[in-house]
Amino acid sequence: MRTNLFAILPLLLLSNCSENEPTVDLEKGRKFDMGFTTWSFGPRSQDVTDTYSFIAANADIYAEHLDTAIPWNAWINEQPLPVAFINEISGRVNRKISGKQ
């Protein structure tokens, strides 16, 4: 059985090859919106800046990704939000990329 699989697999792969590969006309642009999140690729502030710059240059849409230090207890217990969280949100508002969805 195993030998048959190794004999059949290359035949299947080769049978799917085509000389008429589809081409993409890059001059016409994409037929879809490209989107990203703001989750940074690194921990430094320059990494965050680079992430937002990449999104501004390459994205049609983006979403803010907030996954750390969410002050659930403050919201549940109706307490003031931590200063670090307020600063994080303020920084995201200041970095908002105009012209993107």
N, C-alpha and C. Protein backbone atom coordinates (compact mmCIF):
# COMPACT_ATOMS: atom_id res chain seq x y z
N MET A 1 0.82 -1.19 0.00
CA MET A 1 0.00 0.00 0.00
C MET A 1 0.87 1.26 0.00
N ARG A 2 1.89 1.25 0.85
CA ARG A 2 2.76 2.40 0.95
C ARG A 2 3.52 2.64 -0.35
N THR A 3 3.95 1.57 -1.00
CA THR A 3 4.66 1.68 -2.27
C THR A 3 3.75 2.26 -3.33
N ASN A 4 2.49 1.85 -3.34
CA ASN A 4 1.54 2.39 -4.32
C ASN A 4 1.33 3.88 -4.12
N LEU A 5 1.30 4.31 -2.88
CA LEU A 5 1.12 5.73 -2.60
C LEU A 5 2.29 6.54 -3.14
N PHE A 6 3.52 6.05 -2.95
CA PHE A 6 4.68 6.76 -3.45
C PHE A 6 4.74 6.74 -4.98
N ALA A 7 4.14 5.78 -5.60
CA ALA A 7 4.09 5.72 -7.06
C ALA A 7 3.00 6.63 -7.61
N ILE A 8 1.90 6.72 -6.92
CA ILE A 8 0.75 7.50 -7.41
C ILE A 8 0.91 8.99 -7.12
N LEU A 9 1.49 9.34 -6.00
CA LEU A 9 1.61 10.74 -5.61
C LEU A 9 2.34 11.59 -6.65
N PRO A 10 3.50 11.20 -7.16
CA PRO A 10 4.14 12.02 -8.20
C PRO A 10 3.28 12.16 -9.46
N LEU A 11 2.56 11.10 -9.81
CA LEU A 11 1.69 11.18 -10.98
C LEU A 11 0.58 12.21 -10.78
N LEU A 12 0.02 12.22 -9.59
CA LEU A 12 -1.02 13.20 -9.30
C LEU A 12 -0.48 14.62 -9.34
N LEU A 13 0.69 14.82 -8.79
CA LEU A 13 1.29 16.15 -8.78
C LEU A 13 1.61 16.62 -10.20
N LEU A 14 2.15 15.74 -11.00
CA LEU A 14 2.49 16.11 -12.37
C LEU A 14 1.25 16.32 -13.23
N SER A 15 0.19 15.60 -12.95
CA SER A 15 -1.01 15.75 -13.76
C SER A 15 -1.71 17.08 -13.50
N ASN A 16 -1.38 17.74 -12.40
CA ASN A 16 -1.99 19.03 -12.10
C ASN A 16 -1.20 20.20 -12.67
N CYS A 17 -0.09 19.94 -13.31
CA CYS A 17 0.70 21.00 -13.92
C CYS A 17 0.01 21.46 -15.20
N SER A 18 0.16 22.72 -15.50
CA SER A 18 -0.46 23.27 -16.69
C SER A 18 0.49 24.26 -17.33
N GLU A 19 0.48 24.29 -18.66
CA GLU A 19 1.30 25.27 -19.36
C GLU A 19 0.61 26.63 -19.37
N ASN A 20 -0.66 26.66 -19.16
CA ASN A 20 -1.42 27.91 -19.18
C ASN A 20 -1.70 28.40 -17.76
N GLU A 21 -0.63 28.78 -17.07
CA GLU A 21 -0.79 29.27 -15.71
C GLU A 21 -1.48 30.63 -15.74
N PRO A 22 -2.39 30.87 -14.81
CA PRO A 22 -3.05 32.17 -14.77
C PRO A 22 -2.06 33.26 -14.41
N THR A 23 -2.25 34.43 -14.97
CA THR A 23 -1.38 35.56 -14.67
C THR A 23 -2.19 36.65 -13.98
N VAL A 24 -1.51 37.46 -13.22
CA VAL A 24 -2.14 38.57 -12.52
C VAL A 24 -1.61 39.86 -13.10
N ASP A 25 -2.51 40.72 -13.52
CA ASP A 25 -2.12 42.02 -14.05
C ASP A 25 -2.01 43.00 -12.89
N LEU A 26 -0.79 43.28 -12.44
CA LEU A 26 -0.59 44.13 -11.29
C LEU A 26 -0.96 45.58 -11.56
N GLU A 27 -1.02 45.97 -12.83
CA GLU A 27 -1.41 47.33 -13.17
C GLU A 27 -2.86 47.60 -12.81
N LYS A 28 -3.71 46.58 -12.85
CA LYS A 28 -5.12 46.74 -12.55
C LYS A 28 -5.37 46.77 -11.05
N GLY A 29 -4.42 46.36 -10.26
CA GLY A 29 -4.57 46.37 -8.81
C GLY A 29 -5.27 45.12 -8.29
N ARG A 30 -5.39 45.07 -6.99
CA ARG A 30 -6.03 43.93 -6.35
C ARG A 30 -7.55 44.02 -6.49
N LYS A 31 -8.19 42.85 -6.48
CA LYS A 31 -9.64 42.79 -6.52
C LYS A 31 -10.20 42.53 -5.13
N PHE A 32 -9.40 42.80 -4.11
CA PHE A 32 -9.80 42.58 -2.73
C PHE A 32 -9.10 43.63 -1.87
N ASP A 33 -9.59 43.82 -0.65
CA ASP A 33 -8.94 44.72 0.29
C ASP A 33 -7.94 43.95 1.13
N MET A 34 -6.75 44.51 1.26
CA MET A 34 -5.70 43.91 2.07
C MET A 34 -5.78 44.51 3.47
N GLY A 35 -5.82 43.66 4.48
CA GLY A 35 -5.94 44.15 5.84
C GLY A 35 -4.91 43.57 6.79
N PHE A 36 -4.61 44.33 7.83
CA PHE A 36 -3.64 43.93 8.85
C PHE A 36 -4.14 44.37 10.22
N THR A 37 -3.53 43.83 11.26
CA THR A 37 -3.76 44.32 12.61
C THR A 37 -2.54 45.11 13.04
N THR A 38 -2.68 45.86 14.12
CA THR A 38 -1.57 46.67 14.61
C THR A 38 -0.69 45.93 15.60
N TRP A 39 -0.87 44.61 15.70
CA TRP A 39 -0.02 43.82 16.59
C TRP A 39 1.42 43.94 16.10
N SER A 40 2.26 44.53 16.91
CA SER A 40 3.63 44.82 16.51
C SER A 40 4.47 43.54 16.41
N PHE A 41 5.45 43.57 15.52
CA PHE A 41 6.34 42.42 15.35
C PHE A 41 7.43 42.39 16.40
N GLY A 42 7.55 43.44 17.20
CA GLY A 42 8.59 43.47 18.22
C GLY A 42 8.18 44.35 19.39
N PRO A 43 8.95 44.32 20.48
CA PRO A 43 8.57 45.03 21.71
C PRO A 43 8.99 46.50 21.78
N ARG A 44 9.91 46.92 20.90
CA ARG A 44 10.43 48.29 21.00
C ARG A 44 9.45 49.30 20.40
N SER A 45 9.55 50.56 20.81
CA SER A 45 8.67 51.59 20.26
C SER A 45 8.92 51.78 18.77
N GLN A 46 10.14 51.58 18.32
CA GLN A 46 10.43 51.67 16.88
C GLN A 46 9.72 50.56 16.11
N ASP A 47 9.57 49.40 16.71
CA ASP A 47 8.83 48.30 16.08
C ASP A 47 7.37 48.67 15.88
N VAL A 48 6.79 49.33 16.87
CA VAL A 48 5.40 49.79 16.76
C VAL A 48 5.29 50.83 15.65
N THR A 49 6.22 51.77 15.61
CA THR A 49 6.22 52.79 14.56
C THR A 49 6.36 52.15 13.20
N ASP A 50 7.25 51.18 13.07
CA ASP A 50 7.44 50.48 11.79
C ASP A 50 6.18 49.72 11.38
N THR A 51 5.49 49.13 12.35
CA THR A 51 4.25 48.40 12.06
C THR A 51 3.20 49.34 11.50
N TYR A 52 3.01 50.48 12.13
CA TYR A 52 2.03 51.46 11.65
C TYR A 52 2.44 52.01 10.27
N SER A 53 3.73 52.22 10.05
CA SER A 53 4.19 52.69 8.74
C SER A 53 3.92 51.66 7.65
N PHE A 54 4.16 50.40 7.96
CA PHE A 54 3.88 49.33 7.00
C PHE A 54 2.39 49.28 6.66
N ILE A 55 1.56 49.39 7.69
CA ILE A 55 0.11 49.36 7.47
C ILE A 55 -0.32 50.55 6.62
N ALA A 56 0.21 51.73 6.92
CA ALA A 56 -0.15 52.93 6.15
C ALA A 56 0.21 52.78 4.68
N ALA A 57 1.34 52.12 4.41
CA ALA A 57 1.80 51.98 3.03
C ALA A 57 1.14 50.82 2.28
N ASN A 58 0.68 49.79 2.98
CA ASN A 58 0.26 48.56 2.29
C ASN A 58 -1.17 48.11 2.54
N ALA A 59 -1.84 48.66 3.52
CA ALA A 59 -3.16 48.14 3.87
C ALA A 59 -4.28 49.00 3.29
N ASP A 60 -5.40 48.35 3.03
CA ASP A 60 -6.62 49.06 2.70
C ASP A 60 -7.49 49.21 3.95
N ILE A 61 -7.41 48.20 4.80
CA ILE A 61 -8.15 48.21 6.07
C ILE A 61 -7.20 47.73 7.16
N TYR A 62 -7.50 48.13 8.39
CA TYR A 62 -6.72 47.62 9.52
C TYR A 62 -7.57 47.62 10.77
N ALA A 63 -7.14 46.82 11.73
CA ALA A 63 -7.83 46.72 13.01
C ALA A 63 -6.83 46.90 14.12
N GLU A 64 -7.23 47.64 15.14
CA GLU A 64 -6.39 47.78 16.32
C GLU A 64 -6.46 46.48 17.10
N HIS A 65 -5.32 45.96 17.48
CA HIS A 65 -5.25 44.70 18.21
C HIS A 65 -4.77 45.01 19.62
N LEU A 66 -5.65 44.85 20.58
CA LEU A 66 -5.31 45.09 21.98
C LEU A 66 -5.54 43.79 22.74
N ASP A 67 -4.44 43.21 23.21
CA ASP A 67 -4.55 41.89 23.82
C ASP A 67 -3.84 41.79 25.16
N THR A 68 -3.21 42.84 25.59
CA THR A 68 -2.47 42.77 26.84
C THR A 68 -2.97 43.85 27.80
N ALA A 69 -2.94 43.53 29.06
CA ALA A 69 -3.27 44.47 30.13
C ALA A 69 -4.67 45.08 29.99
N ILE A 70 -5.63 44.28 29.59
CA ILE A 70 -7.00 44.76 29.52
C ILE A 70 -7.54 44.83 30.95
N PRO A 71 -8.00 46.00 31.37
CA PRO A 71 -8.39 46.17 32.78
C PRO A 71 -9.81 45.69 33.08
N TRP A 72 -10.02 44.39 32.96
CA TRP A 72 -11.35 43.82 33.19
C TRP A 72 -11.85 44.13 34.59
N ASN A 73 -10.99 43.98 35.59
CA ASN A 73 -11.41 44.21 36.98
C ASN A 73 -11.88 45.65 37.19
N ALA A 74 -11.20 46.60 36.58
CA ALA A 74 -11.60 48.00 36.72
C ALA A 74 -12.99 48.21 36.14
N TRP A 75 -13.25 47.63 34.99
CA TRP A 75 -14.57 47.79 34.38
C TRP A 75 -15.65 47.07 35.18
N ILE A 76 -15.36 45.86 35.58
CA ILE A 76 -16.36 45.07 36.32
C ILE A 76 -16.70 45.73 37.66
N ASN A 77 -15.68 46.26 38.33
CA ASN A 77 -15.88 46.84 39.67
C ASN A 77 -16.07 48.35 39.63
N GLU A 78 -16.26 48.90 38.43
CA GLU A 78 -16.48 50.35 38.25
C GLU A 78 -15.41 51.18 38.94
N GLN A 79 -14.15 50.80 38.70
CA GLN A 79 -13.00 51.53 39.23
C GLN A 79 -12.36 52.33 38.11
N PRO A 80 -11.53 53.29 38.46
CA PRO A 80 -10.83 54.06 37.43
C PRO A 80 -9.91 53.15 36.61
N LEU A 81 -9.77 53.47 35.35
CA LEU A 81 -8.88 52.69 34.49
C LEU A 81 -7.43 52.99 34.83
N PRO A 82 -6.55 52.01 34.74
CA PRO A 82 -5.13 52.25 35.02
C PRO A 82 -4.53 53.27 34.04
N VAL A 83 -3.62 54.07 34.53
CA VAL A 83 -2.98 55.10 33.71
C VAL A 83 -2.28 54.48 32.51
N ALA A 84 -1.64 53.33 32.68
CA ALA A 84 -0.94 52.68 31.57
C ALA A 84 -1.91 52.32 30.44
N PHE A 85 -3.10 51.87 30.80
CA PHE A 85 -4.11 51.53 29.79
C PHE A 85 -4.60 52.78 29.07
N ILE A 86 -4.86 53.84 29.81
CA ILE A 86 -5.30 55.10 29.20
C ILE A 86 -4.22 55.62 28.26
N ASN A 87 -2.95 55.53 28.66
CA ASN A 87 -1.85 55.97 27.80
C ASN A 87 -1.77 55.12 26.53
N GLU A 88 -1.99 53.81 26.66
CA GLU A 88 -1.96 52.91 25.50
C GLU A 88 -3.05 53.30 24.50
N ILE A 89 -4.24 53.53 24.99
CA ILE A 89 -5.36 53.91 24.11
C ILE A 89 -5.10 55.27 23.48
N SER A 90 -4.60 56.21 24.25
CA SER A 90 -4.28 57.55 23.72
C SER A 90 -3.23 57.46 22.62
N GLY A 91 -2.23 56.61 22.83
CA GLY A 91 -1.20 56.43 21.81
C GLY A 91 -1.78 55.85 20.52
N ARG A 92 -2.70 54.92 20.64
CA ARG A 92 -3.34 54.34 19.46
C ARG A 92 -4.20 55.37 18.73
N VAL A 93 -4.89 56.19 19.49
CA VAL A 93 -5.70 57.25 18.88
C VAL A 93 -4.79 58.22 18.13
N ASN A 94 -3.66 58.57 18.71
CA ASN A 94 -2.72 59.50 18.07
C ASN A 94 -2.08 58.89 16.83
N ARG A 95 -1.94 57.57 16.79
CA ARG A 95 -1.33 56.91 15.63
C ARG A 95 -2.35 56.48 14.58
N LYS A 96 -3.62 56.83 14.78
CA LYS A 96 -4.66 56.42 13.84
C LYS A 96 -4.26 56.79 12.42
N ILE A 97 -4.41 55.82 11.53
CA ILE A 97 -4.01 56.01 10.13
C ILE A 97 -5.20 56.55 9.36
N SER A 98 -5.07 57.73 8.83
CA SER A 98 -6.20 58.32 8.09
C SER A 98 -6.31 57.68 6.72
N GLY A 99 -7.52 57.65 6.22
CA GLY A 99 -7.77 57.10 4.89
C GLY A 99 -7.90 55.59 4.85
N LYS A 100 -7.90 54.95 5.99
CA LYS A 100 -8.05 53.49 6.06
C LYS A 100 -9.35 53.17 6.78
N GLN A 101 -9.93 52.04 6.40
CA GLN A 101 -11.15 51.60 7.08
C GLN A 101 -10.79 50.94 8.39
